[in-house]
Amino acid sequence: MKAGDLVTLSAYANRLDALYRWCSRRRKQAAKAPMVGLIINASPSRWRKEETLYEVRWMEPDGPKGRDGQYGGFHFERKDLKFVSRS
């Protein structure tokens, strides 16, 4: 993934307690499309050499700030995100 890619929350992220509010299963019940975001920054992690942290700007105004929801860090890990299909 690189800056400029469109992403949404992965199945792993949907299982995180901190992201329950934005969970796609919950959003489907409300008849909404999955939340889409744009990667604006990809930077290497300070703690793990192989890991990259991603900063995402969501298209909806109330999107999560990071993998801890509205609290904590402002980055997502690779396993928290997936590409949006082109169809």
N, C-alpha and C. Protein backbone atom coordinates (compact mmCIF):
# COMPACT_ATOMS: atom_id res chain seq x y z
N MET A 1 0.84 -1.18 0.00
CA MET A 1 0.00 0.00 0.00
C MET A 1 0.88 1.24 0.00
N LYS A 2 0.38 2.27 -0.65
CA LYS A 2 1.13 3.53 -0.69
C LYS A 2 0.15 4.69 -0.61
N ALA A 3 0.67 5.88 -0.46
CA ALA A 3 -0.19 7.06 -0.39
C ALA A 3 -1.01 7.18 -1.66
N GLY A 4 -2.29 7.49 -1.51
CA GLY A 4 -3.19 7.64 -2.64
C GLY A 4 -4.08 6.44 -2.89
N ASP A 5 -3.86 5.33 -2.20
CA ASP A 5 -4.70 4.13 -2.36
C ASP A 5 -5.99 4.28 -1.57
N LEU A 6 -7.08 3.75 -2.13
CA LEU A 6 -8.36 3.73 -1.43
C LEU A 6 -8.46 2.45 -0.62
N VAL A 7 -8.86 2.57 0.64
CA VAL A 7 -8.93 1.43 1.55
C VAL A 7 -10.22 1.45 2.35
N THR A 8 -10.51 0.32 2.97
CA THR A 8 -11.60 0.19 3.92
C THR A 8 -11.09 -0.68 5.07
N LEU A 9 -11.86 -0.83 6.13
CA LEU A 9 -11.44 -1.64 7.26
C LEU A 9 -11.51 -3.12 6.89
N SER A 10 -10.53 -3.89 7.31
CA SER A 10 -10.47 -5.33 7.03
C SER A 10 -11.34 -6.10 8.03
N ALA A 11 -11.45 -7.40 7.80
CA ALA A 11 -12.19 -8.26 8.73
C ALA A 11 -11.53 -8.27 10.10
N TYR A 12 -10.21 -8.21 10.13
CA TYR A 12 -9.48 -8.16 11.40
C TYR A 12 -9.86 -6.90 12.18
N ALA A 13 -9.88 -5.75 11.50
CA ALA A 13 -10.22 -4.49 12.17
C ALA A 13 -11.66 -4.49 12.64
N ASN A 14 -12.54 -5.17 11.91
CA ASN A 14 -13.94 -5.24 12.32
C ASN A 14 -14.12 -6.00 13.62
N ARG A 15 -13.15 -6.85 13.97
CA ARG A 15 -13.22 -7.60 15.22
C ARG A 15 -12.60 -6.87 16.39
N LEU A 16 -11.90 -5.77 16.16
CA LEU A 16 -11.29 -5.02 17.25
C LEU A 16 -12.36 -4.27 18.04
N ASP A 17 -12.29 -4.34 19.34
CA ASP A 17 -13.28 -3.68 20.20
C ASP A 17 -13.29 -2.17 20.00
N ALA A 18 -12.12 -1.58 19.80
CA ALA A 18 -12.03 -0.12 19.67
C ALA A 18 -12.69 0.39 18.38
N LEU A 19 -12.82 -0.47 17.37
CA LEU A 19 -13.40 -0.05 16.08
C LEU A 19 -14.83 -0.57 15.91
N TYR A 20 -15.47 -1.01 16.98
CA TYR A 20 -16.82 -1.58 16.89
C TYR A 20 -17.81 -0.58 16.29
N ARG A 21 -17.66 0.68 16.61
CA ARG A 21 -18.57 1.71 16.11
C ARG A 21 -18.57 1.79 14.58
N TRP A 22 -17.44 1.48 13.96
CA TRP A 22 -17.30 1.58 12.51
C TRP A 22 -17.33 0.21 11.84
N CYS A 23 -17.67 -0.83 12.56
CA CYS A 23 -17.67 -2.20 12.07
C CYS A 23 -18.61 -2.36 10.88
N SER A 24 -18.16 -3.05 9.83
CA SER A 24 -18.97 -3.19 8.63
C SER A 24 -20.22 -4.03 8.88
N ARG A 25 -20.15 -5.02 9.79
CA ARG A 25 -21.36 -5.80 10.10
C ARG A 25 -22.43 -4.89 10.67
N ARG A 26 -22.05 -4.00 11.54
CA ARG A 26 -23.00 -3.07 12.16
C ARG A 26 -23.52 -2.07 11.13
N ARG A 27 -22.65 -1.63 10.22
CA ARG A 27 -23.04 -0.66 9.20
C ARG A 27 -23.99 -1.30 8.19
N LYS A 28 -23.84 -2.60 7.91
CA LYS A 28 -24.74 -3.28 6.97
C LYS A 28 -26.15 -3.31 7.52
N GLN A 29 -26.27 -3.45 8.83
CA GLN A 29 -27.60 -3.44 9.44
C GLN A 29 -28.27 -2.10 9.24
N ALA A 30 -27.50 -1.05 9.16
CA ALA A 30 -28.05 0.29 8.95
C ALA A 30 -28.15 0.60 7.45
N ALA A 31 -27.91 -0.39 6.58
CA ALA A 31 -28.00 -0.25 5.12
C ALA A 31 -27.07 0.83 4.59
N LYS A 32 -25.83 0.84 5.10
CA LYS A 32 -24.83 1.78 4.62
C LYS A 32 -23.73 1.02 3.90
N ALA A 33 -23.08 1.67 2.96
CA ALA A 33 -21.95 1.08 2.26
C ALA A 33 -20.73 1.08 3.19
N PRO A 34 -19.74 0.23 2.91
CA PRO A 34 -18.54 0.24 3.76
C PRO A 34 -17.84 1.59 3.72
N MET A 35 -17.22 1.94 4.82
CA MET A 35 -16.53 3.21 4.93
C MET A 35 -15.24 3.17 4.10
N VAL A 36 -15.00 4.19 3.30
CA VAL A 36 -13.84 4.26 2.41
C VAL A 36 -12.95 5.40 2.85
N GLY A 37 -11.63 5.16 2.78
CA GLY A 37 -10.65 6.17 3.15
C GLY A 37 -9.51 6.22 2.16
N LEU A 38 -8.72 7.27 2.23
CA LEU A 38 -7.58 7.50 1.37
C LEU A 38 -6.32 7.50 2.23
N ILE A 39 -5.33 6.70 1.84
CA ILE A 39 -4.06 6.70 2.58
C ILE A 39 -3.32 7.98 2.24
N ILE A 40 -2.99 8.77 3.25
CA ILE A 40 -2.29 10.03 3.00
C ILE A 40 -0.83 9.97 3.40
N ASN A 41 -0.46 8.95 4.21
CA ASN A 41 0.95 8.84 4.61
C ASN A 41 1.23 7.40 4.99
N ALA A 42 2.36 6.88 4.53
CA ALA A 42 2.84 5.56 4.91
C ALA A 42 4.26 5.72 5.43
N SER A 43 4.48 5.35 6.68
CA SER A 43 5.81 5.53 7.27
C SER A 43 6.22 4.26 8.01
N PRO A 44 7.51 3.97 8.05
CA PRO A 44 7.97 2.76 8.76
C PRO A 44 7.75 2.90 10.27
N SER A 45 7.50 1.79 10.89
CA SER A 45 7.29 1.77 12.34
C SER A 45 8.62 1.96 13.07
N ARG A 46 8.57 2.62 14.20
CA ARG A 46 9.78 2.81 15.01
C ARG A 46 10.13 1.55 15.78
N TRP A 47 9.13 0.70 16.04
CA TRP A 47 9.32 -0.44 16.92
C TRP A 47 9.60 -1.73 16.17
N ARG A 48 9.00 -1.93 15.01
CA ARG A 48 9.20 -3.16 14.24
C ARG A 48 9.72 -2.81 12.86
N LYS A 49 10.78 -3.44 12.44
CA LYS A 49 11.40 -3.10 11.17
C LYS A 49 10.53 -3.43 9.96
N GLU A 50 9.81 -4.56 10.00
CA GLU A 50 9.04 -5.01 8.84
C GLU A 50 7.69 -4.28 8.70
N GLU A 51 7.27 -3.60 9.73
CA GLU A 51 5.92 -3.04 9.75
C GLU A 51 5.89 -1.59 9.26
N THR A 52 4.81 -1.26 8.55
CA THR A 52 4.57 0.10 8.08
C THR A 52 3.28 0.60 8.71
N LEU A 53 3.26 1.85 9.13
CA LEU A 53 2.07 2.46 9.70
C LEU A 53 1.44 3.38 8.66
N TYR A 54 0.13 3.37 8.61
CA TYR A 54 -0.61 4.13 7.60
C TYR A 54 -1.51 5.16 8.26
N GLU A 55 -1.51 6.36 7.70
CA GLU A 55 -2.42 7.41 8.14
C GLU A 55 -3.52 7.51 7.09
N VAL A 56 -4.76 7.44 7.53
CA VAL A 56 -5.90 7.37 6.61
C VAL A 56 -6.81 8.56 6.84
N ARG A 57 -7.25 9.18 5.76
CA ARG A 57 -8.28 10.21 5.84
C ARG A 57 -9.56 9.59 5.29
N TRP A 58 -10.57 9.47 6.17
CA TRP A 58 -11.83 8.83 5.80
C TRP A 58 -12.73 9.80 5.06
N MET A 59 -13.54 9.28 4.15
CA MET A 59 -14.45 10.10 3.36
C MET A 59 -15.65 10.57 4.18
N GLU A 60 -15.92 9.89 5.28
CA GLU A 60 -17.00 10.31 6.18
C GLU A 60 -16.40 11.15 7.32
N PRO A 61 -17.13 12.13 7.81
CA PRO A 61 -16.57 13.03 8.82
C PRO A 61 -16.30 12.38 10.17
N ASP A 62 -16.96 11.26 10.49
CA ASP A 62 -16.80 10.67 11.82
C ASP A 62 -15.97 9.40 11.81
N GLY A 63 -15.06 9.25 10.87
CA GLY A 63 -14.23 8.05 10.78
C GLY A 63 -13.26 7.94 11.94
N PRO A 64 -12.73 6.73 12.19
CA PRO A 64 -11.79 6.55 13.30
C PRO A 64 -10.46 7.23 13.01
N LYS A 65 -9.82 7.72 14.04
CA LYS A 65 -8.52 8.40 13.88
C LYS A 65 -7.37 7.40 13.78
N GLY A 66 -7.55 6.24 14.38
CA GLY A 66 -6.52 5.22 14.37
C GLY A 66 -7.08 3.89 14.79
N ARG A 67 -6.20 2.91 14.97
CA ARG A 67 -6.68 1.58 15.30
C ARG A 67 -7.25 1.52 16.71
N ASP A 68 -7.09 2.56 17.50
CA ASP A 68 -7.69 2.63 18.82
C ASP A 68 -8.96 3.48 18.83
N GLY A 69 -9.60 3.62 17.67
CA GLY A 69 -10.81 4.42 17.56
C GLY A 69 -10.49 5.90 17.59
N GLN A 70 -11.10 6.64 18.49
CA GLN A 70 -10.84 8.07 18.61
C GLN A 70 -9.77 8.35 19.65
N TYR A 71 -9.28 7.31 20.32
CA TYR A 71 -8.33 7.49 21.41
C TYR A 71 -7.01 6.82 21.04
N GLY A 72 -5.92 7.32 21.54
CA GLY A 72 -4.64 6.67 21.30
C GLY A 72 -3.99 7.12 20.01
N GLY A 73 -3.34 6.18 19.31
CA GLY A 73 -2.57 6.49 18.11
C GLY A 73 -3.40 6.93 16.93
N PHE A 74 -2.73 7.54 15.97
CA PHE A 74 -3.39 8.05 14.78
C PHE A 74 -3.00 7.25 13.54
N HIS A 75 -2.61 5.99 13.72
CA HIS A 75 -2.17 5.18 12.59
C HIS A 75 -2.87 3.83 12.58
N PHE A 76 -2.89 3.23 11.41
CA PHE A 76 -3.40 1.88 11.23
C PHE A 76 -2.25 1.00 10.78
N GLU A 77 -2.33 -0.29 11.12
CA GLU A 77 -1.37 -1.26 10.63
C GLU A 77 -1.91 -1.87 9.34
N ARG A 78 -1.06 -2.59 8.62
CA ARG A 78 -1.46 -3.17 7.34
C ARG A 78 -2.62 -4.15 7.50
N LYS A 79 -2.62 -4.93 8.58
CA LYS A 79 -3.68 -5.92 8.75
C LYS A 79 -5.03 -5.29 9.10
N ASP A 80 -5.04 -4.00 9.42
CA ASP A 80 -6.31 -3.30 9.73
C ASP A 80 -7.02 -2.82 8.48
N LEU A 81 -6.33 -2.79 7.34
CA LEU A 81 -6.86 -2.18 6.13
C LEU A 81 -6.90 -3.18 4.98
N LYS A 82 -7.80 -2.95 4.03
CA LYS A 82 -7.81 -3.71 2.79
C LYS A 82 -8.16 -2.75 1.65
N PHE A 83 -7.74 -3.13 0.44
CA PHE A 83 -8.01 -2.30 -0.73
C PHE A 83 -9.50 -2.32 -1.04
N VAL A 84 -10.00 -1.21 -1.59
CA VAL A 84 -11.38 -1.13 -2.06
C VAL A 84 -11.42 -1.73 -3.46
N SER A 85 -12.40 -2.60 -3.71
CA SER A 85 -12.48 -3.21 -5.05
C SER A 85 -12.89 -2.16 -6.09
N ARG A 86 -12.45 -2.37 -7.29
CA ARG A 86 -12.68 -1.39 -8.36
C ARG A 86 -14.08 -1.50 -8.96
N SER A 87 -14.81 -2.55 -8.67
CA SER A 87 -16.14 -2.72 -9.26
C SER A 87 -17.21 -1.96 -8.55
